[in-house]
Amino acid sequence: MTEKLDRILDAVKDPESQLPISRLGLVKRFRYSKKHGILYVFIDFLSHRPSCKTCAGISMLIESSITGNLKNALEKEFPELSIRIV
């Protein structure tokens, strides 16, 4: 499972820089609940968000894109799990 997660983090890119999110340090950790079939993904966007309100709005759109792409990639690789982005 760890190797699959690492591959996904390398494959999902930031739409602006095209850097893999593994290099950006956005995903802090994963937690897997085998009993409930849930994979929790802990992401930190707040420490990367700009203070300018307009820039923060644009940043939130980018965050939404990254989160959606990550969730889609995880659901494709782990269809038996429920993915929760926290």
Foldseek 3Di string as FASTA:
>chain_A
DVVLLVVLQQVQAQVPPRGRNVVVCFWPDWDADPPQQEIETEGDCPVVADPPPVSNVVSVVSVVVSVVSSLVSVCVVRVSHHYHYD
